[in-house]
Amino acid sequence: DVMIFSPANFLNIYFSSDILSRDLLLDSTIVYLDIDEDTRRERLSVRYVGGNEDDSLERRLQADKNDFEFIDNIDFSFYKYVRLCNKSEVDDFLKKLLS
């Protein structure tokens, strides 16, 4: 099973007093795709007005930056946590996961 959470939803579960929610995280592997801004800008530009960088693209990049700025302050020591920063790391992780 795969679950995708926004940072806000992850924090809701992370700080939840609901035992089932906490157990869900403890039994899961958290994968954070830490993609550099240049790569994100390049990929997003294809989605916005045929590659033109417009205001909505800049707003999205700023919103993502704001949403993920807390990630380095979370104590993941209780969780299975993987931070992947490039395509080869993602490929290696998927090979291990699927083997």
N, C-alpha and C. Protein backbone atom coordinates (compact mmCIF):
# COMPACT_ATOMS: atom_id res chain seq x y z
N ASP A 1 0.84 -1.19 0.00
CA ASP A 1 0.00 0.00 0.00
C ASP A 1 0.88 1.24 0.00
N VAL A 2 0.40 2.26 -0.67
CA VAL A 2 1.11 3.53 -0.74
C VAL A 2 0.17 4.62 -0.26
N MET A 3 0.68 5.47 0.59
CA MET A 3 -0.07 6.63 1.05
C MET A 3 0.77 7.87 0.80
N ILE A 4 0.14 8.91 0.29
CA ILE A 4 0.84 10.15 0.02
C ILE A 4 0.23 11.22 0.92
N PHE A 5 1.10 11.85 1.71
CA PHE A 5 0.65 12.87 2.63
C PHE A 5 1.28 14.21 2.30
N SER A 6 0.52 15.25 2.46
CA SER A 6 1.10 16.58 2.44
C SER A 6 1.84 16.75 3.77
N PRO A 7 2.74 17.69 3.85
CA PRO A 7 3.43 17.91 5.13
C PRO A 7 2.45 18.17 6.29
N ALA A 8 1.40 18.93 6.03
CA ALA A 8 0.43 19.23 7.09
C ALA A 8 -0.27 17.96 7.56
N ASN A 9 -0.66 17.09 6.64
CA ASN A 9 -1.30 15.84 7.03
C ASN A 9 -0.35 14.92 7.77
N PHE A 10 0.90 14.90 7.33
CA PHE A 10 1.88 14.09 8.04
C PHE A 10 2.01 14.58 9.49
N LEU A 11 2.10 15.89 9.68
CA LEU A 11 2.23 16.44 11.03
C LEU A 11 1.00 16.13 11.88
N ASN A 12 -0.18 16.14 11.27
CA ASN A 12 -1.39 15.78 12.02
C ASN A 12 -1.29 14.38 12.58
N ILE A 13 -0.78 13.45 11.78
CA ILE A 13 -0.61 12.07 12.26
C ILE A 13 0.55 12.00 13.23
N TYR A 14 1.64 12.67 12.92
CA TYR A 14 2.85 12.65 13.75
C TYR A 14 2.55 13.09 15.18
N PHE A 15 1.74 14.13 15.32
CA PHE A 15 1.42 14.67 16.64
C PHE A 15 0.08 14.18 17.18
N SER A 16 -0.51 13.23 16.50
CA SER A 16 -1.83 12.74 16.90
C SER A 16 -1.75 11.94 18.20
N SER A 17 -2.80 12.05 18.97
CA SER A 17 -2.90 11.20 20.17
C SER A 17 -3.60 9.89 19.84
N ASP A 18 -4.05 9.76 18.60
CA ASP A 18 -4.73 8.55 18.15
C ASP A 18 -3.71 7.43 17.96
N ILE A 19 -3.82 6.41 18.77
CA ILE A 19 -2.86 5.30 18.74
C ILE A 19 -2.83 4.62 17.37
N LEU A 20 -3.97 4.46 16.73
CA LEU A 20 -4.00 3.82 15.42
C LEU A 20 -3.22 4.63 14.39
N SER A 21 -3.32 5.95 14.46
CA SER A 21 -2.57 6.81 13.53
C SER A 21 -1.08 6.69 13.79
N ARG A 22 -0.66 6.70 15.04
CA ARG A 22 0.76 6.57 15.38
C ARG A 22 1.28 5.20 14.93
N ASP A 23 0.49 4.17 15.15
CA ASP A 23 0.90 2.82 14.73
C ASP A 23 1.04 2.74 13.21
N LEU A 24 0.18 3.44 12.50
CA LEU A 24 0.27 3.49 11.05
C LEU A 24 1.64 4.00 10.62
N LEU A 25 2.10 5.07 11.23
CA LEU A 25 3.42 5.60 10.89
C LEU A 25 4.53 4.65 11.29
N LEU A 26 4.41 4.05 12.47
CA LEU A 26 5.45 3.15 12.94
C LEU A 26 5.59 1.91 12.05
N ASP A 27 4.50 1.50 11.43
CA ASP A 27 4.52 0.33 10.56
C ASP A 27 4.81 0.67 9.10
N SER A 28 5.04 1.93 8.82
CA SER A 28 5.24 2.39 7.45
C SER A 28 6.69 2.83 7.23
N THR A 29 7.06 2.89 5.98
CA THR A 29 8.33 3.52 5.62
C THR A 29 8.01 4.88 5.04
N ILE A 30 8.59 5.89 5.62
CA ILE A 30 8.37 7.26 5.17
C ILE A 30 9.44 7.59 4.14
N VAL A 31 9.01 7.97 2.95
CA VAL A 31 9.94 8.31 1.88
C VAL A 31 9.76 9.79 1.57
N TYR A 32 10.84 10.51 1.69
CA TYR A 32 10.83 11.95 1.37
C TYR A 32 11.66 12.16 0.13
N LEU A 33 11.03 12.64 -0.94
CA LEU A 33 11.75 12.94 -2.18
C LEU A 33 12.22 14.38 -2.10
N ASP A 34 13.49 14.54 -1.81
CA ASP A 34 14.10 15.87 -1.63
C ASP A 34 14.70 16.30 -2.95
N ILE A 35 13.88 16.89 -3.79
CA ILE A 35 14.28 17.25 -5.14
C ILE A 35 14.75 18.71 -5.15
N ASP A 36 15.90 18.96 -5.76
CA ASP A 36 16.44 20.32 -5.76
C ASP A 36 15.52 21.26 -6.55
N GLU A 37 15.61 22.55 -6.22
CA GLU A 37 14.69 23.53 -6.80
C GLU A 37 14.81 23.64 -8.32
N ASP A 38 16.01 23.53 -8.85
CA ASP A 38 16.17 23.62 -10.31
C ASP A 38 15.40 22.50 -11.03
N THR A 39 15.48 21.29 -10.50
CA THR A 39 14.77 20.16 -11.09
C THR A 39 13.27 20.36 -10.96
N ARG A 40 12.81 20.80 -9.78
CA ARG A 40 11.38 21.04 -9.59
C ARG A 40 10.89 22.15 -10.51
N ARG A 41 11.68 23.20 -10.65
CA ARG A 41 11.30 24.32 -11.54
C ARG A 41 11.17 23.82 -12.98
N GLU A 42 12.14 23.02 -13.41
CA GLU A 42 12.12 22.50 -14.78
C GLU A 42 10.88 21.64 -15.02
N ARG A 43 10.59 20.74 -14.08
CA ARG A 43 9.43 19.85 -14.25
C ARG A 43 8.12 20.61 -14.16
N LEU A 44 8.04 21.56 -13.23
CA LEU A 44 6.80 22.33 -13.09
C LEU A 44 6.56 23.25 -14.28
N SER A 45 7.63 23.75 -14.88
CA SER A 45 7.46 24.69 -15.99
C SER A 45 6.72 24.03 -17.16
N VAL A 46 6.85 22.71 -17.31
CA VAL A 46 6.14 21.99 -18.36
C VAL A 46 4.63 22.01 -18.08
N ARG A 47 4.26 22.02 -16.81
CA ARG A 47 2.84 22.01 -16.42
C ARG A 47 2.19 23.38 -16.53
N TYR A 48 2.98 24.42 -16.46
CA TYR A 48 2.43 25.77 -16.43
C TYR A 48 2.64 26.47 -17.76
N VAL A 49 1.58 26.70 -18.47
CA VAL A 49 1.54 27.50 -19.70
C VAL A 49 2.64 27.10 -20.68
N GLY A 50 2.70 25.83 -20.99
CA GLY A 50 3.61 25.36 -22.02
C GLY A 50 5.07 25.66 -21.75
N GLY A 51 5.47 25.71 -20.50
CA GLY A 51 6.87 25.93 -20.17
C GLY A 51 7.19 27.35 -19.77
N ASN A 52 6.22 28.28 -19.87
CA ASN A 52 6.49 29.64 -19.42
C ASN A 52 6.45 29.72 -17.91
N GLU A 53 7.46 30.34 -17.32
CA GLU A 53 7.46 30.53 -15.88
C GLU A 53 6.58 31.73 -15.57
N ASP A 54 5.46 31.47 -14.96
CA ASP A 54 4.55 32.56 -14.63
C ASP A 54 4.36 32.63 -13.12
N ASP A 55 3.48 33.51 -12.71
CA ASP A 55 3.25 33.75 -11.29
C ASP A 55 2.80 32.49 -10.56
N SER A 56 1.97 31.66 -11.20
CA SER A 56 1.48 30.46 -10.52
C SER A 56 2.60 29.46 -10.25
N LEU A 57 3.56 29.36 -11.13
CA LEU A 57 4.71 28.49 -10.91
C LEU A 57 5.52 29.00 -9.72
N GLU A 58 5.76 30.29 -9.67
CA GLU A 58 6.53 30.86 -8.56
C GLU A 58 5.79 30.69 -7.23
N ARG A 59 4.47 30.86 -7.27
CA ARG A 59 3.68 30.66 -6.04
C ARG A 59 3.78 29.21 -5.58
N ARG A 60 3.74 28.27 -6.53
CA ARG A 60 3.84 26.85 -6.18
C ARG A 60 5.19 26.53 -5.56
N LEU A 61 6.26 27.03 -6.16
CA LEU A 61 7.60 26.79 -5.61
C LEU A 61 7.73 27.37 -4.20
N GLN A 62 7.20 28.57 -3.99
CA GLN A 62 7.28 29.19 -2.67
C GLN A 62 6.42 28.42 -1.66
N ALA A 63 5.25 27.97 -2.09
CA ALA A 63 4.38 27.19 -1.19
C ALA A 63 5.06 25.88 -0.80
N ASP A 64 5.68 25.20 -1.75
CA ASP A 64 6.41 23.96 -1.45
C ASP A 64 7.55 24.23 -0.48
N LYS A 65 8.28 25.31 -0.70
CA LYS A 65 9.40 25.66 0.19
C LYS A 65 8.88 25.88 1.61
N ASN A 66 7.78 26.61 1.73
CA ASN A 66 7.20 26.85 3.05
C ASN A 66 6.68 25.57 3.68
N ASP A 67 6.04 24.72 2.88
CA ASP A 67 5.46 23.48 3.40
C ASP A 67 6.51 22.50 3.91
N PHE A 68 7.68 22.47 3.28
CA PHE A 68 8.68 21.47 3.62
C PHE A 68 9.83 21.99 4.47
N GLU A 69 9.80 23.26 4.87
CA GLU A 69 10.92 23.81 5.62
C GLU A 69 11.11 23.16 6.99
N PHE A 70 10.08 22.57 7.54
CA PHE A 70 10.14 21.96 8.86
C PHE A 70 10.77 20.57 8.86
N ILE A 71 10.92 19.95 7.72
CA ILE A 71 11.25 18.53 7.63
C ILE A 71 12.54 18.17 8.37
N ASP A 72 13.51 19.05 8.38
CA ASP A 72 14.78 18.76 9.05
C ASP A 72 14.68 18.86 10.57
N ASN A 73 13.56 19.34 11.08
CA ASN A 73 13.37 19.47 12.52
C ASN A 73 12.57 18.34 13.14
N ILE A 74 12.19 17.37 12.33
CA ILE A 74 11.40 16.24 12.84
C ILE A 74 12.35 15.11 13.26
N ASP A 75 12.07 14.54 14.40
CA ASP A 75 12.85 13.40 14.88
C ASP A 75 12.25 12.14 14.27
N PHE A 76 12.93 11.60 13.27
CA PHE A 76 12.45 10.40 12.59
C PHE A 76 13.05 9.12 13.17
N SER A 77 13.72 9.22 14.31
CA SER A 77 14.43 8.05 14.84
C SER A 77 13.50 6.90 15.19
N PHE A 78 12.23 7.17 15.39
CA PHE A 78 11.28 6.10 15.72
C PHE A 78 10.66 5.47 14.47
N TYR A 79 10.96 6.02 13.32
CA TYR A 79 10.31 5.61 12.08
C TYR A 79 11.33 5.08 11.08
N LYS A 80 10.82 4.27 10.14
CA LYS A 80 11.64 3.88 9.00
C LYS A 80 11.54 5.05 8.02
N TYR A 81 12.61 5.74 7.85
CA TYR A 81 12.62 6.99 7.08
C TYR A 81 13.72 6.95 6.04
N VAL A 82 13.37 7.29 4.81
CA VAL A 82 14.33 7.32 3.72
C VAL A 82 14.21 8.68 3.03
N ARG A 83 15.34 9.33 2.87
CA ARG A 83 15.37 10.61 2.15
C ARG A 83 16.13 10.38 0.85
N LEU A 84 15.45 10.60 -0.27
CA LEU A 84 16.04 10.36 -1.58
C LEU A 84 16.20 11.70 -2.29
N CYS A 85 17.40 11.91 -2.85
CA CYS A 85 17.70 13.23 -3.41
C CYS A 85 17.96 13.24 -4.91
N ASN A 86 18.03 12.08 -5.53
CA ASN A 86 18.26 12.07 -6.98
C ASN A 86 17.71 10.78 -7.59
N LYS A 87 17.70 10.75 -8.90
CA LYS A 87 17.08 9.63 -9.60
C LYS A 87 17.76 8.30 -9.29
N SER A 88 19.06 8.27 -9.18
CA SER A 88 19.73 6.99 -8.91
C SER A 88 19.37 6.47 -7.52
N GLU A 89 19.20 7.36 -6.55
CA GLU A 89 18.77 6.93 -5.21
C GLU A 89 17.35 6.37 -5.26
N VAL A 90 16.49 7.01 -6.02
CA VAL A 90 15.11 6.52 -6.18
C VAL A 90 15.13 5.15 -6.86
N ASP A 91 15.90 5.02 -7.94
CA ASP A 91 15.99 3.74 -8.65
C ASP A 91 16.50 2.63 -7.74
N ASP A 92 17.55 2.91 -6.97
CA ASP A 92 18.10 1.92 -6.05
C ASP A 92 17.08 1.52 -4.99
N PHE A 93 16.38 2.49 -4.45
CA PHE A 93 15.36 2.22 -3.43
C PHE A 93 14.26 1.35 -4.00
N LEU A 94 13.79 1.66 -5.21
CA LEU A 94 12.72 0.89 -5.81
C LEU A 94 13.17 -0.55 -6.12
N LYS A 95 14.40 -0.71 -6.56
CA LYS A 95 14.92 -2.07 -6.81
C LYS A 95 14.90 -2.89 -5.54
N LYS A 96 15.38 -2.31 -4.45
CA LYS A 96 15.39 -3.02 -3.16
C LYS A 96 13.97 -3.31 -2.69
N LEU A 97 13.10 -2.35 -2.86
CA LEU A 97 11.72 -2.50 -2.42
C LEU A 97 11.01 -3.62 -3.18
N LEU A 98 11.27 -3.69 -4.47
CA LEU A 98 10.56 -4.65 -5.32
C LEU A 98 11.23 -6.02 -5.40
N SER A 99 12.40 -6.16 -4.82
CA SER A 99 13.08 -7.47 -4.91
C SER A 99 12.73 -8.37 -3.75
